[in-house]
Amino acid sequence: MDTRRIKISKLEAARRQLDTAIRLYFTDGDPISMHTLAAASFEILKDLDKHGPNTGTFYDSIENVVRPGLEKQAIIAMREAQNFLKHAEQEPDKVLDFWLGYPEMLLGVACDKYRELAAEESAEMIVFALWFGIQNPNVLRTEIAERLRQIPLARTYAPSERRQFFADFIEAASLSVVNLRASRNAGS
């Protein structure tokens, strides 16, 4: 039996779950597992938000990202899938019509709240945000979509090329995170 242990904070647990879900997303992993990890992170972040620096409700982050008029639809859709995958006490024979966009939406909102609470983001979150914004400009607030359009990319990526996109950008995003942390530590 392995007796090794690690100490981990709630915020670190949420980040690890998000990063793993994002890696599943970019490697065409199982969407149910991806959604379950994202939902677990979502719940931790929602609870931390209640105890944090009074940043508002967890759902404020949906309003910060999603185009006006789509917020309520996004919340209902995410909660239905999340509850289905977590509980079986009621309606044990129910079958969920699982839209493959649920994990993307949940990942986007959870990443946004993580950035707000931790005042940082992981390389995986950076790459996911860039990919999601480029692929879904019609869902984002106009000003966010416009900023993303201004980012020069070496080439255009089709939706089926997300694995390649991740491979092309994860190293640069990792270097960005390391450099940002180093500059913060130097300023301390």
Protein backbone atom coordinates (compact mmCIF):
# COMPACT_ATOMS: atom_id res chain seq x y z
CA MET A 1 0.00 0.00 0.00
CA ASP A 2 1.30 3.43 -0.94
CA THR A 3 1.70 5.67 2.11
CA ARG A 4 2.85 8.81 0.30
CA ARG A 5 0.76 11.95 0.78
CA ILE A 6 0.43 15.42 -0.67
CA LYS A 7 -1.05 18.54 0.84
CA ILE A 8 -3.40 20.42 -1.45
CA SER A 9 -5.59 23.48 -1.10
CA LYS A 10 -9.11 23.70 -2.45
CA LEU A 11 -7.97 26.22 -5.08
CA GLU A 12 -5.14 23.94 -6.20
CA ALA A 13 -7.56 21.00 -6.41
CA ALA A 14 -9.88 23.07 -8.60
CA ARG A 15 -6.98 24.07 -10.85
CA ARG A 16 -5.78 20.49 -11.24
CA GLN A 17 -9.27 19.29 -12.10
CA LEU A 18 -9.66 22.08 -14.65
CA ASP A 19 -6.26 21.45 -16.22
CA THR A 20 -6.98 17.73 -16.51
CA ALA A 21 -10.40 18.37 -18.02
CA ILE A 22 -8.85 20.79 -20.52
CA ARG A 23 -6.22 18.22 -21.50
CA LEU A 24 -9.02 15.67 -22.00
CA TYR A 25 -10.81 18.23 -24.15
CA PHE A 26 -7.81 18.82 -26.39
CA THR A 27 -7.03 15.11 -26.75
CA ASP A 28 -10.60 14.17 -27.65
CA GLY A 29 -11.02 12.42 -24.32
CA ASP A 30 -14.28 11.19 -22.88
CA PRO A 31 -16.74 14.12 -22.72
CA ILE A 32 -18.55 12.70 -19.67
CA SER A 33 -15.32 12.43 -17.67
CA MET A 34 -14.32 15.90 -18.87
CA HIS A 35 -17.65 17.36 -17.78
CA THR A 36 -17.51 15.58 -14.41
CA LEU A 37 -14.04 16.97 -13.66
CA ALA A 38 -15.07 20.45 -14.80
CA ALA A 39 -18.22 20.25 -12.65
CA ALA A 40 -16.23 19.18 -9.58
CA SER A 41 -13.93 22.15 -10.09
CA PHE A 42 -16.96 24.39 -10.69
CA GLU A 43 -18.41 23.37 -7.31
CA ILE A 44 -15.17 24.07 -5.42
CA LEU A 45 -14.82 27.46 -7.08
CA LYS A 46 -18.46 28.32 -6.42
CA ASP A 47 -17.98 27.54 -2.73
CA LEU A 48 -14.69 29.45 -2.54
CA ASP A 49 -16.38 32.42 -4.17
CA LYS A 50 -18.84 32.54 -1.25
CA HIS A 51 -15.93 32.71 1.22
CA GLY A 52 -13.59 34.86 -0.83
CA PRO A 53 -13.06 38.55 -1.35
CA ASN A 54 -16.74 39.19 -2.16
CA THR A 55 -16.32 38.84 -5.92
CA GLY A 56 -20.01 38.35 -6.57
CA THR A 57 -21.93 35.23 -7.41
CA PHE A 58 -20.34 32.40 -9.32
CA TYR A 59 -22.71 33.03 -12.20
CA ASP A 60 -21.37 36.58 -12.62
CA SER A 61 -18.56 35.04 -14.62
CA ILE A 62 -21.09 33.76 -17.15
CA GLU A 63 -22.31 37.31 -17.60
CA ASN A 64 -18.71 38.44 -18.11
CA VAL A 65 -18.15 36.04 -20.99
CA VAL A 66 -21.42 34.99 -22.62
CA ARG A 67 -23.29 37.30 -24.99
CA PRO A 68 -26.24 39.08 -23.31
CA GLY A 69 -29.45 37.07 -23.59
CA LEU A 70 -27.72 33.64 -23.49
CA GLU A 71 -26.75 33.63 -19.79
CA LYS A 72 -29.86 31.90 -18.42
CA GLN A 73 -29.79 29.24 -21.14
CA ALA A 74 -26.12 28.53 -20.38
CA ILE A 75 -26.77 28.15 -16.64
CA ILE A 76 -29.77 25.82 -17.09
CA ALA A 77 -27.91 23.62 -19.56
CA MET A 78 -24.83 23.27 -17.38
CA ARG A 79 -26.77 22.53 -14.21
CA GLU A 80 -28.91 19.83 -15.84
CA ALA A 81 -25.93 17.82 -17.07
CA GLN A 82 -23.98 18.41 -13.87
CA ASN A 83 -26.83 17.16 -11.66
CA PHE A 84 -27.51 14.17 -13.90
CA LEU A 85 -23.89 13.02 -13.69
CA LYS A 86 -23.70 13.53 -9.93
CA HIS A 87 -26.98 12.14 -8.61
CA ALA A 88 -29.03 8.98 -9.13
CA GLU A 89 -31.50 9.11 -6.21
CA GLN A 90 -34.31 10.52 -8.32
CA GLU A 91 -35.18 9.19 -11.77
CA PRO A 92 -32.57 6.40 -11.78
CA ASP A 93 -33.68 5.27 -15.27
CA LYS A 94 -33.49 8.72 -16.83
CA VAL A 95 -31.34 9.15 -19.93
CA LEU A 96 -29.65 12.47 -20.58
CA ASP A 97 -29.44 13.95 -24.05
CA PHE A 98 -25.88 15.16 -23.47
CA TRP A 99 -24.83 18.01 -25.74
CA LEU A 100 -21.08 17.88 -26.40
CA GLY A 101 -20.90 21.65 -25.92
CA TYR A 102 -21.72 21.36 -22.18
CA PRO A 103 -18.13 20.63 -21.12
CA GLU A 104 -16.83 23.56 -23.19
CA MET A 105 -19.26 25.96 -21.57
CA LEU A 106 -18.53 24.68 -18.09
CA LEU A 107 -14.78 24.80 -18.66
CA GLY A 108 -15.01 28.39 -19.88
CA VAL A 109 -16.99 29.59 -16.87
CA ALA A 110 -14.87 27.66 -14.36
CA CYS A 111 -11.64 29.00 -15.90
CA ASP A 112 -12.99 32.53 -15.69
CA LYS A 113 -13.86 32.13 -12.00
CA TYR A 114 -10.50 30.49 -11.26
CA ARG A 115 -8.70 33.49 -12.84
CA GLU A 116 -10.78 35.82 -10.70
CA LEU A 117 -10.19 33.99 -7.42
CA ALA A 118 -6.53 33.02 -7.92
CA ALA A 119 -5.43 36.13 -9.86
CA GLU A 120 -3.60 33.79 -12.23
CA GLU A 121 -4.27 31.11 -14.80
CA SER A 122 -2.58 27.94 -15.95
CA ALA A 123 -1.12 27.35 -19.40
CA GLU A 124 -4.01 25.00 -20.12
CA MET A 125 -6.51 27.73 -19.26
CA ILE A 126 -4.75 30.20 -21.54
CA VAL A 127 -4.82 27.80 -24.49
CA PHE A 128 -8.44 26.83 -23.82
CA ALA A 129 -9.58 30.45 -23.64
CA LEU A 130 -7.82 31.27 -26.89
CA TRP A 131 -9.25 28.21 -28.67
CA PHE A 132 -12.77 28.72 -27.35
CA GLY A 133 -12.79 32.39 -28.29
CA ILE A 134 -11.48 31.80 -31.79
CA GLN A 135 -13.91 28.96 -32.43
CA ASN A 136 -16.98 30.59 -30.81
CA PRO A 137 -16.89 34.35 -31.39
CA ASN A 138 -20.70 34.48 -31.69
CA VAL A 139 -21.12 33.33 -28.07
CA LEU A 140 -18.72 35.84 -26.53
CA ARG A 141 -19.32 39.43 -25.63
CA THR A 142 -18.48 41.63 -28.62
CA GLU A 143 -15.45 43.31 -27.03
CA ILE A 144 -13.87 39.96 -26.08
CA ALA A 145 -14.45 38.50 -29.54
CA GLU A 146 -12.89 41.60 -31.11
CA ARG A 147 -9.76 41.35 -28.92
CA LEU A 148 -9.35 37.70 -29.91
CA ARG A 149 -9.66 38.55 -33.61
CA GLN A 150 -6.67 40.84 -33.22
CA ILE A 151 -4.35 38.05 -32.04
CA PRO A 152 -2.15 37.00 -34.96
CA LEU A 153 -2.03 33.25 -35.46
CA ALA A 154 0.35 31.49 -37.83
CA ARG A 155 -2.62 29.78 -39.46
CA THR A 156 -6.34 29.20 -39.10
CA TYR A 157 -7.41 26.08 -37.22
CA ALA A 158 -10.52 24.11 -38.12
CA PRO A 159 -12.66 22.82 -35.22
CA SER A 160 -11.34 19.30 -35.91
CA GLU A 161 -7.76 20.51 -35.28
CA ARG A 162 -7.98 21.29 -31.59
CA ARG A 163 -5.38 18.61 -30.74
CA GLN A 164 -2.90 20.33 -33.07
CA PHE A 165 -3.82 23.77 -31.72
CA PHE A 166 -3.04 22.59 -28.18
CA ALA A 167 0.28 21.09 -29.28
CA ASP A 168 1.17 24.33 -31.09
CA PHE A 169 0.36 26.68 -28.18
CA ILE A 170 0.83 24.86 -24.85
CA GLU A 171 4.59 25.45 -24.69
CA ALA A 172 4.27 29.18 -25.37
CA ALA A 173 1.48 29.44 -22.79
CA SER A 174 3.61 27.56 -20.24
CA LEU A 175 6.50 29.96 -20.80
CA SER A 176 4.12 32.87 -20.40
CA VAL A 177 2.91 31.55 -17.04
CA VAL A 178 6.49 30.96 -15.82
CA ASN A 179 7.56 34.46 -16.89
CA LEU A 180 4.53 36.07 -15.25
CA ARG A 181 5.19 34.27 -11.97
CA ALA A 182 8.86 35.23 -12.09
CA SER A 183 8.02 38.90 -12.65
CA ARG A 184 5.49 38.83 -9.79
CA ASN A 185 8.05 37.24 -7.47
CA ALA A 186 10.70 39.79 -8.48
CA GLY A 187 8.27 42.59 -7.65
CA SER A 188 7.48 41.19 -4.20
